[in-house]
Protein backbone atom coordinates (compact mmCIF):
# COMPACT_ATOMS: atom_id res chain seq x y z
CA MET A 1 -0.07 -0.14 -0.41
CA SER A 2 1.36 3.37 -0.77
CA ASN A 3 0.72 6.23 1.90
CA ASN A 4 -0.64 9.25 0.46
CA THR A 5 -0.52 12.21 3.15
CA GLY A 6 1.92 13.71 1.57
CA ASN A 7 -0.67 14.93 -1.93
CA GLN A 8 -4.05 15.84 0.86
CA ASP A 9 -2.03 18.46 3.30
CA ALA A 10 -0.53 19.84 -0.43
CA THR A 11 -4.78 20.12 -1.38
CA THR A 12 -6.32 20.91 1.93
CA GLU A 13 -3.71 23.52 1.93
CA SER A 14 -4.70 25.08 -1.29
CA THR A 15 -8.26 24.50 -1.10
CA ALA A 16 -7.42 26.81 2.42
CA GLY A 17 -6.02 30.17 1.22
CA SER A 18 -8.41 29.49 -1.63
CA GLU A 19 -11.44 29.32 0.41
CA TRP A 20 -9.42 32.35 2.62
CA ARG A 21 -9.42 34.12 0.10
CA MET A 22 -12.65 33.75 -1.44
CA PHE A 23 -13.35 34.51 2.29
CA LEU A 24 -11.27 37.59 1.58
CA PHE A 25 -12.93 38.10 -1.43
CA ILE A 26 -16.51 39.41 0.48
CA ILE A 27 -15.22 41.11 3.21
CA ILE A 28 -13.58 43.97 1.54
CA LEU A 29 -15.41 43.70 -1.86
CA LEU A 30 -18.14 42.11 -2.77
CA GLY A 31 -19.97 42.86 0.77
CA PRO A 32 -19.71 47.25 0.72
CA ILE A 33 -20.60 46.79 -3.31
CA LEU A 34 -23.28 45.15 -2.08
CA ALA A 35 -24.63 46.91 1.00
CA VAL A 36 -24.31 50.25 -1.91
CA ALA A 37 -25.51 49.29 -4.85
CA ILE A 38 -28.71 47.80 -2.14
CA VAL A 39 -29.59 51.15 0.14
CA GLY A 40 -28.52 53.27 -3.43
CA GLY A 41 -31.15 51.45 -4.71
CA TYR A 42 -34.24 50.96 -2.45
CA GLY A 43 -32.85 55.14 -2.65
CA PHE A 44 -33.83 55.30 -6.05
CA PHE A 45 -37.14 52.90 -5.51
CA ILE A 46 -38.43 55.24 -2.96
CA TRP A 47 -37.98 58.40 -4.68
CA MET A 48 -39.24 57.11 -8.16
CA MET A 49 -42.81 56.01 -5.63
CA GLN A 50 -42.83 60.16 -4.11
CA LEU A 51 -41.65 61.64 -7.91
CA PHE A 52 -44.81 59.67 -9.70
CA PHE A 53 -47.27 58.64 -6.46
CA TRP A 54 -46.43 59.49 -3.40
CA GLY A 55 -44.76 63.08 -3.62
CA PRO A 56 -42.80 65.06 -0.82
CA PRO A 57 -42.71 64.31 2.25
CA GLY A 58 -45.55 66.72 4.07
CA HIS A 59 -46.98 68.13 0.77
CA GLY A 60 -50.52 67.43 1.65
């Protein structure tokens, strides 16, 4: 029988490194971009609803 623990360790290390890179990508880039897009999209939606349907606050 052959022992493949060296190969498994290398695969585990590359997977762990890949997971860390993906985690940092999500935390540093994707999270803030999504937060700005969601808040901006919500604000744009409210603005358009006020423009076309509701009117400005306190207009009534």
